[in-house]
N, C-alpha and C. Protein backbone atom coordinates (compact mmCIF):
# COMPACT_ATOMS: atom_id res chain seq x y z
N MET A 1 31.28 166.11 -45.16
CA MET A 1 31.26 165.24 -46.27
C MET A 1 30.90 166.06 -47.51
N SER A 2 29.99 166.95 -47.26
CA SER A 2 29.71 167.71 -48.46
C SER A 2 30.84 168.56 -49.13
N ASN A 3 31.87 168.89 -48.44
CA ASN A 3 32.97 169.40 -48.93
C ASN A 3 33.94 168.61 -49.65
N ALA A 4 33.81 167.41 -49.35
CA ALA A 4 34.50 166.28 -50.00
C ALA A 4 33.85 166.14 -51.46
N ILE A 5 32.53 166.27 -51.42
CA ILE A 5 31.88 166.21 -52.70
C ILE A 5 32.10 167.37 -53.61
N LEU A 6 32.23 168.51 -53.02
CA LEU A 6 32.58 169.75 -53.72
C LEU A 6 34.05 169.67 -54.38
N LEU A 7 34.92 169.12 -53.61
CA LEU A 7 36.36 168.95 -54.09
C LEU A 7 36.50 167.72 -54.91
N SER A 8 35.54 166.83 -55.10
CA SER A 8 35.72 165.66 -55.87
C SER A 8 34.99 165.71 -57.12
N PHE A 9 34.76 166.91 -57.70
CA PHE A 9 34.02 167.11 -58.75
C PHE A 9 34.45 166.46 -60.07
N GLY A 10 35.70 166.15 -60.15
CA GLY A 10 36.20 165.45 -61.26
C GLY A 10 35.55 164.16 -61.62
N VAL A 11 35.04 163.49 -60.62
CA VAL A 11 34.37 162.17 -61.07
C VAL A 11 32.98 162.34 -61.75
N PHE A 12 32.44 163.63 -61.96
CA PHE A 12 31.33 163.78 -62.56
C PHE A 12 31.47 164.29 -63.98
N TYR A 13 32.61 164.43 -64.42
CA TYR A 13 32.83 164.84 -65.79
C TYR A 13 32.32 163.93 -66.84
N LYS A 14 32.87 162.65 -66.65
CA LYS A 14 32.39 161.59 -67.68
C LYS A 14 30.84 161.46 -67.81
N PRO A 15 30.18 161.24 -66.50
CA PRO A 15 28.64 161.07 -66.61
C PRO A 15 28.03 162.37 -67.10
N LEU A 16 28.53 163.58 -66.83
CA LEU A 16 27.97 164.75 -67.47
C LEU A 16 28.09 164.80 -68.98
N ILE A 17 29.22 164.51 -69.40
CA ILE A 17 29.46 164.43 -70.80
C ILE A 17 28.64 163.44 -71.53
N ASN A 18 28.47 162.29 -70.82
CA ASN A 18 27.65 161.25 -71.52
C ASN A 18 26.18 161.45 -71.44
N GLN A 19 25.82 162.10 -70.37
CA GLN A 19 24.22 162.48 -70.21
C GLN A 19 23.90 163.55 -71.05
N PHE A 20 24.74 164.61 -71.10
CA PHE A 20 24.12 165.88 -71.62
C PHE A 20 24.93 166.32 -72.89
N GLY A 21 26.08 165.67 -73.20
CA GLY A 21 26.77 166.01 -74.32
C GLY A 21 27.69 167.32 -74.14
N TRP A 22 27.81 168.00 -73.01
CA TRP A 22 28.48 168.98 -72.81
C TRP A 22 30.04 168.69 -72.86
N THR A 23 30.72 169.67 -73.17
CA THR A 23 32.18 169.53 -73.38
C THR A 23 32.85 169.63 -71.94
N ALA A 24 34.02 169.03 -71.80
CA ALA A 24 34.72 169.21 -70.56
C ALA A 24 35.07 170.65 -70.15
N ALA A 25 35.36 171.36 -71.15
CA ALA A 25 35.50 172.87 -70.95
C ALA A 25 34.23 173.58 -70.28
N GLU A 26 33.06 173.25 -70.89
CA GLU A 26 31.87 173.82 -70.37
C GLU A 26 31.60 173.30 -69.01
N ILE A 27 31.84 172.09 -68.63
CA ILE A 27 31.63 171.52 -67.28
C ILE A 27 32.69 172.14 -66.39
N ALA A 28 33.93 172.35 -66.79
CA ALA A 28 34.99 172.85 -65.96
C ALA A 28 34.63 174.20 -65.48
N LEU A 29 33.85 174.97 -66.10
CA LEU A 29 33.54 176.29 -65.60
C LEU A 29 32.63 176.26 -64.18
N ALA A 30 32.09 175.17 -63.96
CA ALA A 30 31.39 175.02 -62.80
C ALA A 30 32.10 174.97 -61.48
N PRO A 31 33.16 174.08 -61.52
CA PRO A 31 34.09 174.05 -60.26
C PRO A 31 35.04 175.40 -60.16
N SER A 32 35.24 175.98 -61.41
CA SER A 32 36.11 177.20 -61.36
C SER A 32 35.26 178.32 -60.93
N THR A 33 33.81 178.24 -61.16
CA THR A 33 32.99 179.34 -60.67
C THR A 33 32.91 179.15 -59.18
N MET A 34 32.83 177.92 -58.74
CA MET A 34 32.75 177.70 -57.19
C MET A 34 33.94 178.18 -56.53
N SER A 35 35.20 177.93 -57.10
CA SER A 35 36.39 178.48 -56.49
C SER A 35 36.51 179.93 -56.49
N ILE A 36 36.05 180.65 -57.49
CA ILE A 36 36.10 182.09 -57.58
C ILE A 36 35.11 182.66 -56.52
N VAL A 37 33.91 182.07 -56.54
CA VAL A 37 32.86 182.60 -55.51
C VAL A 37 33.36 182.37 -54.10
N TYR A 38 33.94 181.18 -53.90
CA TYR A 38 34.51 180.88 -52.60
C TYR A 38 35.56 182.04 -52.11
N VAL A 39 36.42 182.35 -53.00
CA VAL A 39 37.52 183.25 -52.65
C VAL A 39 36.87 184.60 -52.51
N LEU A 40 35.86 184.95 -53.35
CA LEU A 40 35.33 186.42 -53.25
C LEU A 40 34.43 186.56 -51.88
N MET A 41 33.86 185.30 -51.38
CA MET A 41 32.94 185.37 -50.32
C MET A 41 33.65 185.30 -48.96
N VAL A 42 34.95 184.83 -48.84
CA VAL A 42 35.62 184.69 -47.68
C VAL A 42 35.72 186.02 -46.77
N LEU A 43 36.14 187.01 -47.49
CA LEU A 43 36.21 188.34 -46.68
C LEU A 43 34.73 188.81 -46.09
N PRO A 44 33.66 188.80 -46.89
CA PRO A 44 32.52 189.10 -46.39
C PRO A 44 31.99 188.10 -45.25
N VAL A 45 32.26 186.78 -45.37
CA VAL A 45 31.90 185.83 -44.41
C VAL A 45 32.75 186.11 -43.12
N SER A 46 33.99 186.58 -43.27
CA SER A 46 34.81 186.86 -41.98
C SER A 46 34.19 187.97 -41.34
N TRP A 47 33.66 189.07 -42.04
CA TRP A 47 33.09 190.14 -41.45
C TRP A 47 31.81 189.89 -40.65
N ILE A 48 31.05 188.90 -41.31
CA ILE A 48 29.85 188.43 -40.57
C ILE A 48 30.28 187.49 -39.46
N TYR A 49 31.10 186.88 -39.54
CA TYR A 49 31.62 186.11 -38.41
C TYR A 49 31.97 186.85 -37.23
N GLU A 50 32.51 188.12 -37.38
CA GLU A 50 32.91 189.00 -36.31
C GLU A 50 31.55 189.45 -35.59
N ARG A 51 30.42 189.48 -36.27
CA ARG A 51 29.26 190.04 -35.78
C ARG A 51 28.28 188.90 -35.24
N LEU A 52 28.22 187.86 -35.88
CA LEU A 52 27.27 186.65 -35.38
C LEU A 52 27.90 185.59 -34.87
N ALA A 53 27.20 184.66 -34.31
CA ALA A 53 27.68 183.50 -33.69
C ALA A 53 28.23 182.63 -34.78
N ILE A 54 29.22 181.78 -34.53
CA ILE A 54 29.81 180.80 -35.48
C ILE A 54 28.74 179.84 -35.97
N ARG A 55 27.75 179.50 -34.97
CA ARG A 55 26.81 178.50 -35.19
C ARG A 55 25.82 178.95 -36.37
N VAL A 56 25.59 180.24 -36.45
CA VAL A 56 24.78 180.87 -37.43
C VAL A 56 25.26 180.76 -38.78
N ILE A 57 26.63 181.09 -38.85
CA ILE A 57 27.38 181.09 -40.03
C ILE A 57 27.44 179.67 -40.61
N VAL A 58 27.95 178.70 -39.79
CA VAL A 58 28.10 177.30 -40.26
C VAL A 58 26.85 176.61 -40.55
N LEU A 59 25.76 176.99 -39.96
CA LEU A 59 24.42 176.40 -40.26
C LEU A 59 23.88 176.92 -41.62
N ALA A 60 24.04 178.19 -41.80
CA ALA A 60 23.57 178.88 -43.05
C ALA A 60 24.51 178.28 -44.14
N GLY A 61 25.80 178.19 -43.97
CA GLY A 61 26.74 177.63 -45.05
C GLY A 61 26.39 176.21 -45.30
N GLY A 62 26.14 175.51 -44.29
CA GLY A 62 25.69 173.97 -44.52
C GLY A 62 24.52 173.90 -45.36
N ILE A 63 23.55 174.68 -44.98
CA ILE A 63 22.24 174.71 -45.67
C ILE A 63 22.43 175.08 -47.15
N LEU A 64 23.23 176.02 -47.46
CA LEU A 64 23.61 176.52 -48.62
C LEU A 64 24.38 175.41 -49.48
N MET A 65 25.33 174.84 -49.01
CA MET A 65 26.10 173.83 -49.67
C MET A 65 25.22 172.59 -49.96
N ALA A 66 24.23 172.21 -49.00
CA ALA A 66 23.39 171.09 -49.28
C ALA A 66 22.47 171.37 -50.36
N LEU A 67 21.93 172.63 -50.34
CA LEU A 67 20.96 173.08 -51.24
C LEU A 67 21.49 173.15 -52.71
N GLY A 68 22.85 173.66 -52.79
CA GLY A 68 23.57 173.60 -54.09
C GLY A 68 23.71 172.30 -54.59
N LEU A 69 24.07 171.33 -53.69
CA LEU A 69 24.39 169.88 -54.15
C LEU A 69 23.13 169.20 -54.49
N ILE A 70 22.09 169.39 -53.75
CA ILE A 70 20.77 168.65 -54.13
C ILE A 70 20.19 169.22 -55.47
N LEU A 71 20.37 170.62 -55.59
CA LEU A 71 19.76 171.17 -56.84
C LEU A 71 20.66 170.77 -58.00
N SER A 72 21.99 170.61 -57.81
CA SER A 72 22.95 170.03 -58.81
C SER A 72 22.48 168.82 -59.47
N SER A 73 22.05 167.97 -58.54
CA SER A 73 21.65 166.58 -58.92
C SER A 73 20.55 166.55 -59.93
N ALA A 74 19.86 167.72 -60.07
CA ALA A 74 18.59 167.72 -60.83
C ALA A 74 18.81 168.71 -62.09
N VAL A 75 19.99 168.96 -62.43
CA VAL A 75 20.22 169.96 -63.59
C VAL A 75 19.80 169.41 -64.84
N ALA A 76 19.37 170.27 -65.71
CA ALA A 76 19.03 169.96 -67.17
C ALA A 76 19.67 170.80 -68.04
N ASN A 77 20.18 171.93 -67.55
CA ASN A 77 20.87 172.90 -68.41
C ASN A 77 22.20 173.36 -67.70
N LEU A 78 23.10 173.73 -68.60
CA LEU A 78 24.43 174.09 -68.14
C LEU A 78 24.43 175.29 -67.15
N TRP A 79 23.52 176.28 -67.47
CA TRP A 79 23.47 177.41 -66.45
C TRP A 79 23.06 177.11 -65.13
N GLN A 80 22.29 175.93 -65.13
CA GLN A 80 21.81 175.51 -63.66
C GLN A 80 22.94 174.97 -62.95
N LEU A 81 23.82 174.20 -63.64
CA LEU A 81 25.04 173.65 -63.02
C LEU A 81 25.97 174.85 -62.48
N TYR A 82 26.01 175.88 -63.22
CA TYR A 82 26.97 177.03 -62.95
C TYR A 82 26.13 177.66 -61.57
N LEU A 83 24.85 177.94 -61.68
CA LEU A 83 24.30 178.48 -60.45
C LEU A 83 24.25 177.71 -59.35
N PHE A 84 23.72 176.44 -59.36
CA PHE A 84 23.63 175.58 -58.16
C PHE A 84 24.95 175.22 -57.69
N TYR A 85 25.82 174.50 -58.46
CA TYR A 85 27.08 174.15 -57.93
C TYR A 85 28.01 175.27 -57.67
N GLY A 86 28.24 176.07 -58.78
CA GLY A 86 29.28 177.18 -58.79
C GLY A 86 28.99 178.22 -57.89
N ILE A 87 27.70 178.82 -57.91
CA ILE A 87 27.45 180.00 -57.01
C ILE A 87 26.92 179.57 -55.61
N ILE A 88 25.82 178.84 -55.62
CA ILE A 88 25.34 178.52 -54.31
C ILE A 88 26.20 177.58 -53.47
N GLY A 89 26.88 176.58 -54.06
CA GLY A 89 27.82 175.85 -53.44
C GLY A 89 29.13 176.51 -53.01
N GLY A 90 29.48 177.55 -53.83
CA GLY A 90 30.59 178.30 -53.55
C GLY A 90 30.46 179.22 -52.36
N ILE A 91 29.23 179.90 -52.25
CA ILE A 91 28.91 180.60 -51.15
C ILE A 91 28.82 179.72 -49.91
N GLY A 92 28.31 178.59 -49.94
CA GLY A 92 28.13 177.83 -48.82
C GLY A 92 29.40 177.33 -48.35
N SER A 93 30.44 176.87 -49.29
CA SER A 93 31.72 176.46 -48.92
C SER A 93 32.70 177.41 -48.34
N SER A 94 32.30 178.69 -48.62
CA SER A 94 33.14 179.84 -48.05
C SER A 94 32.89 179.98 -46.47
N THR A 95 31.93 179.27 -45.94
CA THR A 95 31.54 179.57 -44.55
C THR A 95 32.26 178.50 -43.78
N ILE A 96 33.25 177.69 -44.31
CA ILE A 96 33.86 176.63 -43.55
C ILE A 96 35.14 177.03 -42.88
N TRP A 97 36.14 177.45 -43.54
CA TRP A 97 37.58 177.60 -43.14
C TRP A 97 37.63 178.91 -42.21
N VAL A 98 37.03 179.94 -42.48
CA VAL A 98 37.20 181.18 -41.64
C VAL A 98 36.80 180.91 -40.21
N PRO A 99 35.55 180.42 -40.07
CA PRO A 99 35.21 180.12 -38.52
C PRO A 99 35.91 179.01 -37.93
N PHE A 100 36.15 177.94 -38.61
CA PHE A 100 36.72 176.70 -38.08
C PHE A 100 38.23 177.08 -37.70
N THR A 101 38.92 177.70 -38.54
CA THR A 101 40.36 177.96 -38.21
C THR A 101 40.41 179.07 -37.11
N SER A 102 39.50 179.96 -37.16
CA SER A 102 39.43 180.94 -36.08
C SER A 102 39.23 180.28 -34.61
N VAL A 103 38.25 179.33 -34.70
CA VAL A 103 37.92 178.59 -33.40
C VAL A 103 39.11 177.81 -32.89
N ILE A 104 39.75 177.08 -33.93
CA ILE A 104 40.88 176.22 -33.53
C ILE A 104 42.06 177.10 -32.98
N MET A 105 42.25 178.29 -33.57
CA MET A 105 43.25 179.28 -33.12
C MET A 105 42.89 179.68 -31.67
N LYS A 106 41.62 179.89 -31.51
CA LYS A 106 41.28 180.33 -30.11
C LYS A 106 41.22 179.25 -29.07
N TRP A 107 40.84 178.08 -29.24
CA TRP A 107 40.76 176.86 -28.52
C TRP A 107 42.12 176.43 -28.00
N PHE A 108 43.07 176.24 -28.94
CA PHE A 108 44.39 175.64 -28.82
C PHE A 108 45.48 176.67 -28.58
N GLU A 109 45.88 176.96 -27.40
CA GLU A 109 46.99 177.77 -27.13
C GLU A 109 48.27 176.98 -27.18
N GLN A 110 48.13 175.78 -26.61
CA GLN A 110 49.42 174.97 -26.87
C GLN A 110 49.10 173.85 -27.91
N LYS A 111 50.08 173.49 -28.65
CA LYS A 111 49.95 172.55 -29.72
C LYS A 111 49.06 173.09 -30.82
N ARG A 112 48.97 174.35 -31.11
CA ARG A 112 48.18 174.99 -32.13
C ARG A 112 48.35 174.45 -33.43
N GLY A 113 49.68 174.29 -33.67
CA GLY A 113 50.13 173.76 -34.99
C GLY A 113 49.57 172.50 -35.26
N LEU A 114 49.65 171.43 -34.24
CA LEU A 114 49.29 170.05 -34.33
C LEU A 114 47.67 170.13 -34.60
N ALA A 115 46.97 170.93 -33.90
CA ALA A 115 45.48 171.08 -34.09
C ALA A 115 45.07 171.41 -35.60
N MET A 116 45.96 172.52 -36.09
CA MET A 116 45.59 172.90 -37.42
C MET A 116 45.97 171.91 -38.41
N GLY A 117 47.06 171.19 -38.11
CA GLY A 117 47.51 170.14 -39.00
C GLY A 117 46.44 169.00 -39.02
N VAL A 118 45.85 168.69 -38.00
CA VAL A 118 44.87 167.59 -37.91
C VAL A 118 43.58 168.13 -38.74
N ALA A 119 43.21 169.35 -38.48
CA ALA A 119 42.18 169.94 -39.26
C ALA A 119 42.35 169.83 -40.65
N LEU A 120 43.49 170.37 -41.12
CA LEU A 120 43.77 170.38 -42.60
C LEU A 120 43.94 169.04 -43.18
N SER A 121 44.38 168.05 -42.35
CA SER A 121 44.61 166.64 -42.89
C SER A 121 43.17 166.02 -43.09
N GLY A 122 42.18 166.41 -42.35
CA GLY A 122 40.85 165.91 -42.40
C GLY A 122 40.12 166.42 -43.64
N TYR A 123 40.54 167.63 -43.93
CA TYR A 123 40.15 168.29 -45.18
C TYR A 123 40.49 167.52 -46.47
N GLY A 124 41.79 167.13 -46.55
CA GLY A 124 42.36 166.28 -47.65
C GLY A 124 41.79 164.89 -47.49
N LEU A 125 41.74 164.30 -46.28
CA LEU A 125 41.25 162.93 -46.14
C LEU A 125 39.87 162.94 -46.78
N GLY A 126 38.99 163.83 -46.51
CA GLY A 126 37.59 163.79 -46.99
C GLY A 126 37.64 163.73 -48.52
N SER A 127 38.57 164.43 -49.14
CA SER A 127 38.57 164.39 -50.58
C SER A 127 39.02 163.06 -51.04
N LEU A 128 40.04 162.59 -50.37
CA LEU A 128 40.61 161.24 -50.87
C LEU A 128 39.48 160.02 -50.68
N ILE A 129 38.71 160.17 -49.63
CA ILE A 129 37.66 159.15 -49.50
C ILE A 129 36.47 159.43 -50.32
N GLY A 130 36.12 160.82 -50.44
CA GLY A 130 35.09 161.18 -51.25
C GLY A 130 34.93 160.80 -52.74
N ALA A 131 36.04 161.01 -53.36
CA ALA A 131 36.14 160.58 -54.65
C ALA A 131 35.80 159.23 -55.10
N PRO A 132 36.53 158.21 -54.39
CA PRO A 132 36.24 156.87 -54.84
C PRO A 132 34.77 156.39 -54.40
N THR A 133 34.34 157.03 -53.28
CA THR A 133 32.91 156.61 -52.83
C THR A 133 31.72 157.18 -53.81
N LEU A 134 32.22 158.20 -54.57
CA LEU A 134 31.12 158.71 -55.46
C LEU A 134 31.09 158.18 -56.75
N THR A 135 32.06 157.27 -57.18
CA THR A 135 32.11 156.60 -58.42
C THR A 135 31.39 155.28 -58.37
C-alpha cells in the first residue's frame, strides 16, 4: 500500500498548494527526486540483494518507505518534503522490484510470464485504488 501512496502523489498537490502556498513546480520536484533516487539506487540494491537475504532488504526498504511517508506528513518546509518523500521514500521504494521480480523468476519456471503479469498488475491496481482512497 505504501507504494500506491508513493505513486499517487498527485492528489497531494492541491492540499500542499493551499496549505503552504508552494507552486506546483516546487512540489513536483519531490516525486521527481523520488524517481531519480529510485533509479540511482536500483543497482546498489541489486548488489546488496546478492549478498544478503531478501527479507533484510525488503524489511529495510519498508521501514525507509514508512519513515519517509510518516515524516512527509509533518513537513513545514519544502526541503523537508524533498528529503523525506524524495530521498528517503525513493531509497525505500528502490528495494521493491529487484528482489520481488528476482524471486518470481526463481519460483515460477512454468507460467513465469503469467506470474510477472499478475505481480505487475498488482502494482498498477494499488495505484488505481490508492489515489481515490487518499482524497
